[in-house]
Amino acid sequence: MTETLAKSLILLGVILALVGVVLYFVSRSDANFFQWFGNLPLDFKVERENFKFYFPLGTSIALSIVLSLLFYFFRKLSE
C-alpha cells in the first residue's frame, strides 16, 4: 500500500515539475498561450480608485474540472 502511494506521489511530482518547466518557458516566449487564463466569464474584477478586488471563480471551476479528470484517469490507470 505505501509503496504504491510513494510511486504515485513521485509520478505526481515529476508531472508537476514538467508542467512548471513548460509554463516557465512558454511565459518567457513572445507568444502568450495562457492569455485567457484569469479572464474567463466568471472571473470577477472590481477596480476602483483605492481598491482592487479579483475573484477568479471561472478559473477555479475550470481548474477543478481539469484536475478532477486527471485524477480520475490516474485512478483508472492504476487499477
N, C-alpha and C. Protein backbone atom coordinates (compact mmCIF):
# COMPACT_ATOMS: atom_id res chain seq x y z
N MET A 1 0.83 -1.20 0.00
CA MET A 1 0.00 0.00 0.00
C MET A 1 0.87 1.25 0.00
N THR A 2 1.83 1.34 0.91
CA THR A 2 2.68 2.53 0.98
C THR A 2 3.60 2.63 -0.22
N GLU A 3 3.99 1.49 -0.78
CA GLU A 3 4.85 1.53 -1.96
C GLU A 3 4.09 2.12 -3.15
N THR A 4 2.83 1.77 -3.30
CA THR A 4 2.00 2.32 -4.37
C THR A 4 1.79 3.81 -4.18
N LEU A 5 1.54 4.22 -2.96
CA LEU A 5 1.36 5.64 -2.66
C LEU A 5 2.63 6.42 -2.95
N ALA A 6 3.76 5.86 -2.59
CA ALA A 6 5.04 6.52 -2.84
C ALA A 6 5.29 6.69 -4.33
N LYS A 7 5.02 5.65 -5.12
CA LYS A 7 5.20 5.75 -6.57
C LYS A 7 4.25 6.77 -7.17
N SER A 8 3.04 6.82 -6.68
CA SER A 8 2.07 7.79 -7.19
C SER A 8 2.50 9.21 -6.88
N LEU A 9 3.01 9.44 -5.67
CA LEU A 9 3.47 10.78 -5.30
C LEU A 9 4.69 11.20 -6.12
N ILE A 10 5.58 10.26 -6.39
CA ILE A 10 6.75 10.56 -7.21
C ILE A 10 6.31 10.91 -8.63
N LEU A 11 5.38 10.15 -9.18
CA LEU A 11 4.87 10.42 -10.52
C LEU A 11 4.18 11.78 -10.57
N LEU A 12 3.39 12.09 -9.55
CA LEU A 12 2.72 13.38 -9.50
C LEU A 12 3.73 14.52 -9.40
N GLY A 13 4.78 14.34 -8.64
CA GLY A 13 5.83 15.35 -8.52
C GLY A 13 6.56 15.57 -9.83
N VAL A 14 6.85 14.50 -10.56
CA VAL A 14 7.51 14.63 -11.86
C VAL A 14 6.62 15.36 -12.84
N ILE A 15 5.33 15.03 -12.83
CA ILE A 15 4.39 15.70 -13.74
C ILE A 15 4.29 17.17 -13.40
N LEU A 16 4.19 17.51 -12.13
CA LEU A 16 4.12 18.91 -11.72
C LEU A 16 5.40 19.67 -12.10
N ALA A 17 6.53 19.03 -11.96
CA ALA A 17 7.79 19.67 -12.34
C ALA A 17 7.84 19.92 -13.85
N LEU A 18 7.38 18.96 -14.63
CA LEU A 18 7.36 19.14 -16.09
C LEU A 18 6.40 20.25 -16.49
N VAL A 19 5.24 20.31 -15.86
CA VAL A 19 4.29 21.39 -16.15
C VAL A 19 4.90 22.73 -15.79
N GLY A 20 5.61 22.80 -14.68
CA GLY A 20 6.26 24.03 -14.27
C GLY A 20 7.33 24.48 -15.26
N VAL A 21 8.11 23.55 -15.75
CA VAL A 21 9.15 23.89 -16.74
C VAL A 21 8.51 24.39 -18.03
N VAL A 22 7.45 23.70 -18.47
CA VAL A 22 6.76 24.14 -19.70
C VAL A 22 6.17 25.53 -19.51
N LEU A 23 5.51 25.78 -18.40
CA LEU A 23 4.93 27.10 -18.14
C LEU A 23 6.00 28.18 -18.07
N TYR A 24 7.14 27.85 -17.49
CA TYR A 24 8.23 28.82 -17.39
C TYR A 24 8.72 29.24 -18.77
N PHE A 25 8.97 28.26 -19.64
CA PHE A 25 9.50 28.60 -20.96
C PHE A 25 8.44 29.21 -21.87
N VAL A 26 7.18 28.83 -21.71
CA VAL A 26 6.12 29.44 -22.52
C VAL A 26 5.93 30.89 -22.11
N SER A 27 6.03 31.19 -20.82
CA SER A 27 5.84 32.57 -20.38
C SER A 27 7.00 33.47 -20.82
N ARG A 28 8.17 32.90 -21.05
CA ARG A 28 9.32 33.70 -21.50
C ARG A 28 9.29 33.94 -23.00
N SER A 29 8.51 33.15 -23.73
CA SER A 29 8.46 33.34 -25.18
C SER A 29 7.53 34.51 -25.52
N ASP A 30 7.57 34.93 -26.77
CA ASP A 30 6.75 36.05 -27.22
C ASP A 30 5.27 35.68 -27.31
N ALA A 31 4.97 34.45 -27.65
CA ALA A 31 3.59 34.00 -27.77
C ALA A 31 3.02 33.73 -26.38
N ASN A 32 1.91 34.35 -26.08
CA ASN A 32 1.29 34.16 -24.77
C ASN A 32 0.11 33.21 -24.92
N PHE A 33 0.35 31.91 -24.70
CA PHE A 33 -0.67 30.89 -24.88
C PHE A 33 -1.72 30.91 -23.78
N PHE A 34 -1.38 31.45 -22.63
CA PHE A 34 -2.28 31.42 -21.49
C PHE A 34 -2.91 32.79 -21.23
N GLN A 35 -3.14 33.53 -22.28
CA GLN A 35 -3.73 34.85 -22.16
C GLN A 35 -5.16 34.78 -21.62
N TRP A 36 -5.87 33.71 -21.93
CA TRP A 36 -7.24 33.52 -21.48
C TRP A 36 -7.32 33.19 -19.99
N PHE A 37 -6.22 32.68 -19.45
CA PHE A 37 -6.22 32.22 -18.06
C PHE A 37 -6.36 33.41 -17.12
N GLY A 38 -7.43 33.41 -16.33
CA GLY A 38 -7.71 34.52 -15.44
C GLY A 38 -8.67 35.53 -16.04
N ASN A 39 -9.10 35.29 -17.27
CA ASN A 39 -10.03 36.19 -17.93
C ASN A 39 -11.27 35.44 -18.42
N LEU A 40 -11.67 34.41 -17.71
CA LEU A 40 -12.85 33.64 -18.08
C LEU A 40 -14.11 34.41 -17.68
N PRO A 41 -15.28 34.03 -18.21
CA PRO A 41 -16.50 34.79 -17.95
C PRO A 41 -16.88 34.95 -16.47
N LEU A 42 -16.58 34.00 -15.62
CA LEU A 42 -16.96 34.11 -14.21
C LEU A 42 -15.84 34.66 -13.33
N ASP A 43 -14.82 35.23 -13.91
CA ASP A 43 -13.76 35.87 -13.13
C ASP A 43 -14.16 37.31 -12.86
N PHE A 44 -14.40 37.61 -11.60
CA PHE A 44 -14.89 38.93 -11.22
C PHE A 44 -13.74 39.88 -10.92
N LYS A 45 -13.79 41.05 -11.53
CA LYS A 45 -12.77 42.08 -11.30
C LYS A 45 -13.48 43.38 -10.96
N VAL A 46 -13.10 43.97 -9.84
CA VAL A 46 -13.62 45.27 -9.45
C VAL A 46 -12.41 46.16 -9.19
N GLU A 47 -12.32 47.23 -9.95
CA GLU A 47 -11.21 48.17 -9.78
C GLU A 47 -11.79 49.55 -9.52
N ARG A 48 -11.47 50.07 -8.37
CA ARG A 48 -11.90 51.42 -8.00
C ARG A 48 -10.67 52.27 -7.78
N GLU A 49 -10.87 53.45 -7.30
CA GLU A 49 -9.77 54.39 -7.12
C GLU A 49 -8.70 53.85 -6.17
N ASN A 50 -9.10 53.40 -4.99
CA ASN A 50 -8.14 52.89 -4.00
C ASN A 50 -8.39 51.43 -3.64
N PHE A 51 -9.03 50.71 -4.55
CA PHE A 51 -9.47 49.37 -4.20
C PHE A 51 -9.43 48.48 -5.45
N LYS A 52 -8.88 47.28 -5.30
CA LYS A 52 -8.91 46.27 -6.36
C LYS A 52 -9.36 44.96 -5.75
N PHE A 53 -10.31 44.32 -6.41
CA PHE A 53 -10.80 43.03 -5.95
C PHE A 53 -10.86 42.10 -7.15
N TYR A 54 -10.31 40.91 -6.98
CA TYR A 54 -10.29 39.92 -8.05
C TYR A 54 -10.70 38.58 -7.47
N PHE A 55 -11.76 37.99 -8.03
CA PHE A 55 -12.24 36.69 -7.58
C PHE A 55 -12.33 35.77 -8.79
N PRO A 56 -11.35 34.85 -8.97
CA PRO A 56 -11.29 34.02 -10.18
C PRO A 56 -12.19 32.77 -10.08
N LEU A 57 -13.49 32.96 -10.06
CA LEU A 57 -14.42 31.84 -9.93
C LEU A 57 -14.39 30.95 -11.17
N GLY A 58 -14.42 31.53 -12.35
CA GLY A 58 -14.40 30.75 -13.59
C GLY A 58 -13.12 29.95 -13.73
N THR A 59 -12.00 30.56 -13.42
CA THR A 59 -10.72 29.87 -13.49
C THR A 59 -10.65 28.73 -12.48
N SER A 60 -11.20 28.96 -11.29
CA SER A 60 -11.22 27.91 -10.26
C SER A 60 -12.06 26.72 -10.70
N ILE A 61 -13.19 26.99 -11.32
CA ILE A 61 -14.06 25.91 -11.80
C ILE A 61 -13.36 25.13 -12.92
N ALA A 62 -12.73 25.85 -13.85
CA ALA A 62 -12.02 25.19 -14.94
C ALA A 62 -10.88 24.32 -14.42
N LEU A 63 -10.10 24.83 -13.47
CA LEU A 63 -9.02 24.04 -12.88
C LEU A 63 -9.55 22.83 -12.13
N SER A 64 -10.66 22.99 -11.44
CA SER A 64 -11.25 21.89 -10.72
C SER A 64 -11.68 20.77 -11.66
N ILE A 65 -12.28 21.13 -12.77
CA ILE A 65 -12.71 20.13 -13.75
C ILE A 65 -11.50 19.41 -14.34
N VAL A 66 -10.48 20.16 -14.73
CA VAL A 66 -9.29 19.54 -15.33
C VAL A 66 -8.60 18.62 -14.34
N LEU A 67 -8.42 19.07 -13.10
CA LEU A 67 -7.76 18.22 -12.09
C LEU A 67 -8.60 17.01 -11.75
N SER A 68 -9.91 17.15 -11.68
CA SER A 68 -10.78 16.01 -11.41
C SER A 68 -10.66 14.96 -12.52
N LEU A 69 -10.62 15.41 -13.76
CA LEU A 69 -10.45 14.46 -14.87
C LEU A 69 -9.09 13.78 -14.82
N LEU A 70 -8.04 14.54 -14.52
CA LEU A 70 -6.71 13.93 -14.42
C LEU A 70 -6.64 12.88 -13.32
N PHE A 71 -7.18 13.20 -12.15
CA PHE A 71 -7.16 12.23 -11.06
C PHE A 71 -8.03 11.02 -11.38
N TYR A 72 -9.13 11.22 -12.08
CA TYR A 72 -9.99 10.11 -12.49
C TYR A 72 -9.21 9.17 -13.41
N PHE A 73 -8.50 9.73 -14.41
CA PHE A 73 -7.75 8.89 -15.33
C PHE A 73 -6.57 8.21 -14.64
N PHE A 74 -5.90 8.89 -13.71
CA PHE A 74 -4.82 8.25 -12.96
C PHE A 74 -5.35 7.09 -12.13
N ARG A 75 -6.51 7.27 -11.55
CA ARG A 75 -7.10 6.20 -10.75
C ARG A 75 -7.47 5.01 -11.63
N LYS A 76 -8.02 5.29 -12.82
CA LYS A 76 -8.38 4.20 -13.74
C LYS A 76 -7.15 3.47 -14.26
N LEU A 77 -6.07 4.20 -14.49
CA LEU A 77 -4.85 3.56 -14.97
C LEU A 77 -4.18 2.70 -13.91
N SER A 78 -4.35 3.06 -12.66
CA SER A 78 -3.69 2.31 -11.58
C SER A 78 -4.45 1.06 -11.17
N GLU A 79 -5.66 0.88 -11.67
CA GLU A 79 -6.44 -0.32 -11.32
C GLU A 79 -5.96 -1.54 -12.06
